[in-house]
Amino acid sequence: MSDYQISPVYPGDTRTLADVKALLQQEGIRLDSHVDYTCVMYDEEYHAIATGSCFGNTLRCLAVSHDHQGESLMNEIVSHLIQYEYDRGIIHLFLYTKCSSALFFGDLGFHEVARVPDQVVFMEKDPNGFTCYLDHLAEKKTPQGRIAAIVMNANPFTLGHRYLVEQACKENDWLHLFMVSEDASYFPYAVRKRLIKEGTADLKNIIYHDSGPYIISSATFPSYFQKDDLAVIESHANLDLAIFVKIAERLGIKARYVGEEPTSTVTRRYNEIMAQRLPEAGICCRIIPRNVKDGETVSASTVRRALHDGDWETVARMVPEVTLAFLQSDEARPILARICKDDLKNIVHY
């Protein structure tokens, strides 16, 4: 244990934040846009020499000054962050790291879930976490037949989502529907899950799953050691697919359905990578043309834009009755207020 002290960094402390950003930049990374706690270690001359951050159940933005490598300072930073997470009741911890650092974090008790060579490694503190997750999924394994999957965020659930599910149900004996359970959307997971299940209740060959912490939202995928936005999109897609392939092997999934994406750069590139990678693992990638209403593509982004603009006519055309009823209820008011206040660039995915 060193003699250096670790201190929290408060959001309004611009001087300390500047020190943290400078240290991260020196080590070739940057402060991620998604952090809810940051700590820093100073030497006796008040130079920032180590730092680390958390966001939800993930550790990120970990760095030690090159002048202090080999002093076990990273061990202290990680131990501090683990204790911080434990103190706020979060015990199942994850981190993303460069491939070159995975062995080091393995020595600190983290275990590899999946990796994308030369890009990123996804690790967790629980040695049996992902195995237990796969075992839990296997409890709902279907008999043999045509088995497909959809991963759905549904922010909110639209007629486009419904159309995609219908197509997969028609063409397969069973559909595993993974609902992204990370709360990084305008609509809370409890609401999204309810609307998905109510909006597809008449389709009898669906098996519903919470995604848990392993199917990662693009909204919170770390960007701090990626060189640019395209690298973030590609590393997230490749990591997500590496995990999905392991899930598919366990459940006998032979096809994944996604909606065609004419407007979103992120989703379109994701689909392109999926169309290349999934067949390599023996899984068909079915890209279904988007549902169109009155000449306009049905999408959650379009619905959120209409909600932002108060265009209820467009909303009513693009969502099923269960979603419209929710949007018009008192329960939806805080969500609608947030959408109306937010900047349009955050509402519509680029």
Protein backbone atom coordinates (compact mmCIF):
# COMPACT_ATOMS: atom_id res chain seq x y z
CA MET A 1 0.00 0.00 0.00
CA SER A 2 1.37 3.39 -1.01
CA ASP A 3 1.34 6.52 1.12
CA TYR A 4 -0.75 8.37 -1.43
CA GLN A 5 -4.35 9.30 -0.67
CA ILE A 6 -7.31 8.65 -2.96
CA SER A 7 -9.93 11.39 -3.08
CA PRO A 8 -13.32 11.67 -4.79
CA VAL A 9 -13.68 14.17 -7.61
CA TYR A 10 -16.78 16.33 -7.27
CA PRO A 11 -18.65 17.42 -10.43
CA GLY A 12 -18.15 21.13 -9.75
CA ASP A 13 -14.41 20.83 -9.08
CA THR A 14 -13.20 22.00 -12.47
CA ARG A 15 -9.54 22.13 -11.45
CA THR A 16 -9.42 18.51 -10.32
CA LEU A 17 -11.43 17.38 -13.34
CA ALA A 18 -8.90 19.12 -15.56
CA ASP A 19 -6.08 17.22 -13.79
CA VAL A 20 -7.92 13.93 -14.32
CA LYS A 21 -8.52 14.65 -18.01
CA ALA A 22 -4.88 15.61 -18.49
CA LEU A 23 -3.70 12.38 -16.87
CA LEU A 24 -6.06 10.29 -19.00
CA GLN A 25 -4.97 12.10 -22.15
CA GLN A 26 -1.33 11.50 -21.23
CA GLU A 27 -2.09 7.77 -21.08
CA GLY A 28 -3.95 7.76 -24.40
CA ILE A 29 -7.56 7.72 -23.18
CA ARG A 30 -10.22 10.28 -22.32
CA LEU A 31 -12.85 10.79 -19.67
CA ASP A 32 -15.94 8.87 -20.74
CA SER A 33 -19.20 10.78 -21.14
CA HIS A 34 -20.90 8.25 -18.87
CA VAL A 35 -19.44 8.31 -15.34
CA ASP A 36 -21.20 8.80 -12.02
CA TYR A 37 -18.15 8.69 -9.73
CA THR A 38 -14.48 9.53 -10.26
CA CYS A 39 -11.53 9.33 -7.89
CA VAL A 40 -7.97 10.62 -8.17
CA MET A 41 -4.66 9.97 -6.43
CA TYR A 42 -2.14 12.81 -6.00
CA ASP A 43 1.54 12.61 -5.16
CA GLU A 44 3.28 14.80 -2.55
CA GLU A 45 3.70 17.59 -5.11
CA TYR A 46 -0.01 17.48 -5.91
CA HIS A 47 0.35 15.93 -9.35
CA ALA A 48 -2.47 13.59 -10.39
CA ILE A 49 -0.84 10.17 -10.73
CA ALA A 50 -3.76 7.72 -10.86
CA THR A 51 -7.49 7.84 -11.49
CA GLY A 52 -10.55 5.67 -12.06
CA SER A 53 -14.30 6.03 -12.50
CA CYS A 54 -17.57 4.12 -12.23
CA PHE A 55 -20.79 4.16 -14.17
CA GLY A 56 -23.55 1.96 -12.79
CA ASN A 57 -21.98 -1.45 -12.32
CA THR A 58 -18.93 -0.81 -14.54
CA LEU A 59 -15.44 0.43 -13.77
CA ARG A 60 -13.95 2.66 -16.47
CA CYS A 61 -11.38 5.37 -17.25
CA LEU A 62 -8.62 3.65 -15.27
CA ALA A 63 -5.13 5.12 -15.63
CA VAL A 64 -1.79 5.45 -13.83
CA SER A 65 0.85 7.99 -14.80
CA HIS A 66 3.72 6.41 -16.74
CA ASP A 67 6.07 7.92 -14.13
CA HIS A 68 4.52 5.67 -11.46
CA GLN A 69 4.09 2.40 -13.32
CA GLY A 70 5.01 -0.65 -11.26
CA GLU A 71 4.01 0.87 -7.89
CA SER A 72 0.71 -1.08 -7.64
CA LEU A 73 -1.27 2.15 -7.75
CA MET A 74 -3.85 0.65 -10.10
CA ASN A 75 -4.53 -2.07 -7.53
CA GLU A 76 -5.36 0.65 -5.00
CA ILE A 77 -7.60 2.55 -7.43
CA VAL A 78 -9.51 -0.62 -8.37
CA SER A 79 -9.85 -1.66 -4.72
CA HIS A 80 -11.19 1.80 -3.88
CA LEU A 81 -13.75 1.66 -6.70
CA ILE A 82 -14.85 -1.86 -5.76
CA GLN A 83 -15.41 -0.76 -2.18
CA TYR A 84 -17.30 2.32 -3.39
CA GLU A 85 -19.57 0.11 -5.50
CA TYR A 86 -20.09 -2.36 -2.65
CA ASP A 87 -21.02 0.50 -0.32
CA ARG A 88 -23.82 1.54 -2.66
CA GLY A 89 -25.06 -2.03 -2.98
CA ILE A 90 -23.54 -2.99 -6.35
CA ILE A 91 -21.66 -6.27 -6.10
CA HIS A 92 -21.76 -7.67 -9.66
CA LEU A 93 -19.08 -5.56 -11.31
CA PHE A 94 -17.81 -5.29 -14.87
CA LEU A 95 -15.10 -3.48 -16.75
CA TYR A 96 -14.02 -2.88 -20.33
CA THR A 97 -10.36 -2.75 -21.14
CA LYS A 98 -7.85 -2.88 -23.96
CA CYS A 99 -6.74 -6.39 -24.88
CA SER A 100 -3.23 -5.55 -23.70
CA SER A 101 -4.52 -4.89 -20.17
CA ALA A 102 -6.79 -7.93 -19.76
CA LEU A 103 -4.12 -10.10 -18.10
CA PHE A 104 -3.44 -7.40 -15.50
CA PHE A 105 -7.11 -7.11 -14.57
CA GLY A 106 -7.33 -10.88 -14.49
CA ASP A 107 -4.72 -10.81 -11.74
CA LEU A 108 -7.02 -8.40 -9.85
CA GLY A 109 -9.85 -10.94 -9.87
CA PHE A 110 -11.73 -10.07 -13.06
CA HIS A 111 -12.78 -12.77 -15.51
CA GLU A 112 -13.19 -12.51 -19.27
CA VAL A 113 -16.71 -12.68 -20.68
CA ALA A 114 -15.87 -11.91 -24.32
CA ARG A 115 -13.30 -10.08 -26.42
CA VAL A 116 -12.88 -8.47 -29.79
CA PRO A 117 -9.23 -8.98 -30.83
CA ASP A 118 -7.24 -5.74 -30.99
CA GLN A 119 -10.26 -3.75 -29.74
CA VAL A 120 -11.81 -4.51 -26.36
CA VAL A 121 -12.23 -7.13 -23.62
CA PHE A 122 -15.38 -7.30 -21.46
CA MET A 123 -14.68 -8.67 -17.95
CA GLU A 124 -16.64 -9.30 -14.75
CA LYS A 125 -15.72 -9.78 -11.10
CA ASP A 126 -17.93 -12.86 -10.60
CA PRO A 127 -16.09 -15.93 -11.94
CA ASN A 128 -19.40 -17.72 -12.61
CA GLY A 129 -21.59 -14.79 -13.65
CA PHE A 130 -21.88 -15.39 -17.39
CA THR A 131 -22.00 -19.16 -16.97
CA CYS A 132 -24.91 -18.80 -14.54
CA TYR A 133 -26.64 -16.45 -16.97
CA LEU A 134 -26.33 -19.02 -19.77
CA ASP A 135 -27.59 -21.76 -17.43
CA HIS A 136 -30.60 -19.60 -16.58
CA LEU A 137 -31.36 -19.04 -20.26
CA ALA A 138 -31.05 -22.77 -20.92
CA GLU A 139 -33.98 -23.39 -18.55
CA LYS A 140 -36.17 -21.98 -21.36
CA LYS A 141 -34.48 -23.91 -24.16
CA THR A 142 -37.00 -24.99 -26.78
CA PRO A 143 -37.44 -28.32 -28.57
CA GLN A 144 -35.67 -28.65 -31.88
CA GLY A 145 -37.03 -26.64 -34.79
CA ARG A 146 -36.51 -23.30 -36.46
CA ILE A 147 -35.33 -21.07 -33.63
CA ALA A 148 -34.70 -17.33 -33.97
CA ALA A 149 -33.91 -14.35 -31.78
CA ILE A 150 -34.54 -10.62 -31.58
CA VAL A 151 -32.78 -8.16 -29.28
CA MET A 152 -35.13 -5.26 -28.62
CA ASN A 153 -34.88 -2.01 -26.69
CA ALA A 154 -38.29 -0.57 -27.70
CA ASN A 155 -37.91 3.02 -26.54
CA PRO A 156 -40.95 2.96 -26.87
CA PHE A 157 -42.60 -0.13 -28.41
CA THR A 158 -43.91 0.75 -31.89
CA LEU A 159 -45.75 -0.90 -34.76
CA GLY A 160 -42.31 -1.34 -36.32
CA HIS A 161 -41.22 -3.52 -33.40
CA ARG A 162 -44.49 -5.42 -33.64
CA TYR A 163 -43.99 -5.98 -37.38
CA LEU A 164 -40.46 -7.34 -36.85
CA VAL A 165 -41.68 -9.76 -34.17
CA GLU A 166 -44.57 -10.90 -36.35
CA GLN A 167 -42.23 -11.71 -39.24
CA ALA A 168 -39.90 -13.73 -37.00
CA CYS A 169 -42.82 -15.61 -35.42
CA LYS A 170 -44.27 -16.49 -38.83
CA GLU A 171 -40.99 -17.83 -40.18
CA ASN A 172 -39.87 -19.81 -37.10
CA ASP A 173 -41.14 -22.33 -34.59
CA TRP A 174 -39.81 -20.34 -31.63
CA LEU A 175 -38.60 -16.80 -31.09
CA HIS A 176 -36.32 -15.84 -28.19
CA LEU A 177 -37.05 -12.17 -27.54
CA PHE A 178 -34.32 -10.46 -25.50
CA MET A 179 -35.48 -7.20 -23.93
CA VAL A 180 -32.60 -4.79 -23.19
CA SER A 181 -32.94 -4.38 -19.44
CA GLU A 182 -30.33 -1.68 -18.94
CA ASP A 183 -32.04 1.55 -17.85
CA ALA A 184 -30.38 3.95 -20.27
CA SER A 185 -33.48 4.98 -22.22
CA TYR A 186 -36.25 7.56 -21.89
CA PHE A 187 -38.70 4.78 -21.05
CA PRO A 188 -37.76 2.73 -17.95
CA TYR A 189 -37.19 -0.96 -18.43
CA ALA A 190 -40.27 -1.93 -16.41
CA VAL A 191 -42.40 0.10 -18.83
CA ARG A 192 -40.64 -1.14 -21.99
CA LYS A 193 -40.94 -4.75 -20.85
CA ARG A 194 -44.63 -4.36 -20.09
CA LEU A 195 -45.42 -2.75 -23.44
CA ILE A 196 -43.42 -5.37 -25.38
CA LYS A 197 -45.20 -8.26 -23.65
CA GLU A 198 -48.66 -6.70 -23.86
CA GLY A 199 -48.08 -5.70 -27.48
CA THR A 200 -47.12 -9.24 -28.51
CA ALA A 201 -49.32 -11.26 -26.14
CA ASP A 202 -51.33 -12.82 -29.00
CA LEU A 203 -48.19 -14.38 -30.53
CA LYS A 204 -47.79 -17.73 -28.80
CA ASN A 205 -44.33 -18.88 -29.90
CA ILE A 206 -42.32 -16.16 -28.10
CA ILE A 207 -39.98 -16.83 -25.17
CA TYR A 208 -39.17 -13.60 -23.33
CA HIS A 209 -35.82 -12.90 -21.65
CA ASP A 210 -34.39 -10.03 -19.67
CA SER A 211 -31.07 -9.22 -21.31
CA GLY A 212 -29.33 -8.77 -17.97
CA PRO A 213 -25.93 -7.06 -17.94
CA TYR A 214 -24.49 -8.96 -20.90
CA ILE A 215 -26.37 -7.46 -23.84
CA ILE A 216 -24.96 -3.96 -23.65
CA SER A 217 -26.76 -0.80 -24.60
CA SER A 218 -25.01 1.37 -27.19
CA ALA A 219 -26.01 4.32 -25.00
CA THR A 220 -23.60 3.29 -22.25
CA PHE A 221 -20.90 1.42 -24.15
CA PRO A 222 -17.58 3.03 -23.17
CA SER A 223 -15.80 5.25 -25.64
CA TYR A 224 -12.83 6.41 -23.60
CA PHE A 225 -10.17 4.25 -25.25
CA GLN A 226 -11.67 4.25 -28.74
CA LYS A 227 -10.05 6.46 -31.36
CA ASP A 228 -13.25 7.85 -32.90
CA ASP A 229 -17.03 7.41 -33.10
CA LEU A 230 -16.81 4.78 -35.83
CA ALA A 231 -14.44 2.70 -33.70
CA VAL A 232 -16.92 2.90 -30.81
CA ILE A 233 -19.77 1.67 -33.02
CA GLU A 234 -17.72 -1.18 -34.48
CA SER A 235 -16.20 -2.39 -31.21
CA HIS A 236 -19.63 -2.32 -29.51
CA ALA A 237 -21.20 -4.27 -32.37
CA ASN A 238 -18.42 -6.85 -32.46
CA LEU A 239 -18.44 -7.33 -28.69
CA ASP A 240 -22.22 -7.63 -28.58
CA LEU A 241 -22.11 -10.23 -31.34
CA ALA A 242 -19.33 -12.19 -29.62
CA ILE A 243 -21.59 -12.47 -26.57
CA PHE A 244 -24.69 -13.19 -28.65
CA VAL A 245 -22.97 -16.07 -30.46
CA LYS A 246 -22.33 -17.76 -27.09
CA ILE A 247 -25.99 -17.28 -26.15
CA ALA A 248 -27.13 -18.61 -29.53
CA GLU A 249 -25.00 -21.73 -29.16
CA ARG A 250 -26.61 -22.45 -25.78
CA LEU A 251 -30.19 -21.97 -27.03
CA GLY A 252 -29.85 -23.43 -30.51
CA ILE A 253 -30.63 -20.09 -32.18
CA LYS A 254 -30.03 -20.18 -35.93
CA ALA A 255 -31.32 -16.76 -37.02
CA ARG A 256 -31.34 -13.20 -35.67
CA TYR A 257 -33.87 -10.69 -36.93
CA VAL A 258 -33.22 -6.95 -37.15
CA GLY A 259 -35.00 -4.07 -38.79
CA GLU A 260 -33.53 -2.36 -41.83
CA GLU A 261 -32.11 1.05 -40.90
CA PRO A 262 -32.42 3.83 -43.48
CA THR A 263 -31.62 6.79 -41.21
CA SER A 264 -29.46 5.92 -38.19
CA THR A 265 -25.72 5.72 -38.93
CA VAL A 266 -25.11 3.73 -35.74
CA THR A 267 -27.75 1.08 -36.35
CA ARG A 268 -26.98 0.80 -40.06
CA ARG A 269 -23.28 0.10 -39.38
CA TYR A 270 -24.27 -2.34 -36.63
CA ASN A 271 -26.49 -4.22 -39.10
CA GLU A 272 -23.68 -4.33 -41.66
CA ILE A 273 -21.31 -5.89 -39.13
CA MET A 274 -24.00 -8.32 -38.00
CA ALA A 275 -24.69 -9.40 -41.58
CA GLN A 276 -20.99 -10.21 -41.96
CA ARG A 277 -20.24 -11.77 -38.58
CA LEU A 278 -23.30 -13.91 -37.79
CA PRO A 279 -23.05 -16.20 -40.87
CA GLU A 280 -19.45 -16.90 -39.88
CA ALA A 281 -20.90 -18.46 -36.70
CA GLY A 282 -23.60 -20.36 -38.58
CA ILE A 283 -26.37 -17.90 -37.74
CA CYS A 284 -28.56 -16.31 -40.41
CA CYS A 285 -28.95 -12.52 -40.21
CA ARG A 286 -32.44 -11.54 -41.40
CA ILE A 287 -32.70 -7.80 -42.08
CA ILE A 288 -36.39 -7.01 -42.44
CA PRO A 289 -37.50 -3.89 -44.38
CA ARG A 290 -39.00 -1.30 -42.04
CA ASN A 291 -42.74 -0.94 -41.66
CA VAL A 292 -44.03 2.21 -43.38
CA LYS A 293 -47.13 4.23 -42.46
CA ASP A 294 -48.37 6.92 -44.84
CA GLY A 295 -44.99 7.06 -46.55
CA GLU A 296 -43.03 7.48 -43.31
CA THR A 297 -40.76 4.83 -41.78
CA VAL A 298 -42.00 3.61 -38.41
CA SER A 299 -39.30 3.90 -35.76
CA ALA A 300 -38.94 4.70 -32.07
CA SER A 301 -36.85 7.75 -33.03
CA THR A 302 -39.71 9.09 -35.14
CA VAL A 303 -42.15 8.54 -32.27
CA ARG A 304 -39.88 10.33 -29.79
CA ARG A 305 -39.49 13.25 -32.21
CA ALA A 306 -43.28 13.43 -32.59
CA LEU A 307 -43.70 13.38 -28.81
CA HIS A 308 -41.11 16.16 -28.53
CA ASP A 309 -43.05 18.21 -31.09
CA GLY A 310 -46.48 17.41 -29.65
CA ASP A 311 -47.47 15.65 -32.89
CA TRP A 312 -49.93 13.14 -31.50
CA GLU A 313 -51.35 12.33 -34.93
CA THR A 314 -48.00 10.84 -35.96
CA VAL A 315 -47.63 9.06 -32.63
CA ALA A 316 -51.05 7.43 -33.01
CA ARG A 317 -50.13 6.14 -36.50
CA MET A 318 -46.91 4.55 -35.35
CA VAL A 319 -47.65 2.80 -32.06
CA PRO A 320 -50.00 -0.03 -31.06
CA GLU A 321 -52.95 0.63 -28.78
CA VAL A 322 -51.13 -0.52 -25.66
CA THR A 323 -48.34 2.02 -26.21
CA LEU A 324 -50.73 4.85 -27.07
CA ALA A 325 -52.77 4.14 -23.94
CA PHE A 326 -49.64 4.32 -21.84
CA LEU A 327 -48.44 7.54 -23.48
CA GLN A 328 -51.79 9.17 -22.73
CA SER A 329 -51.76 8.03 -19.08
CA ASP A 330 -50.63 9.94 -16.01
CA GLU A 331 -47.80 7.43 -15.59
CA ALA A 332 -46.19 8.68 -18.80
CA ARG A 333 -46.17 12.36 -17.87
CA PRO A 334 -42.64 12.48 -16.34
CA ILE A 335 -41.23 10.66 -19.38
CA LEU A 336 -42.97 13.00 -21.82
CA ALA A 337 -41.78 16.02 -19.87
CA ARG A 338 -38.19 14.81 -20.14
CA ILE A 339 -38.51 14.19 -23.89
CA CYS A 340 -40.04 17.63 -24.45
CA LYS A 341 -37.23 19.35 -22.54
CA ASP A 342 -34.37 17.44 -24.14
CA ASP A 343 -32.41 18.53 -27.18
CA LEU A 344 -33.62 16.97 -30.40
CA LYS A 345 -30.15 15.55 -31.18
CA ASN A 346 -30.44 13.35 -28.07
CA ILE A 347 -33.92 12.19 -29.02
CA VAL A 348 -33.16 11.03 -32.57
CA HIS A 349 -30.23 8.61 -32.98
CA TYR A 350 -27.67 9.74 -35.50
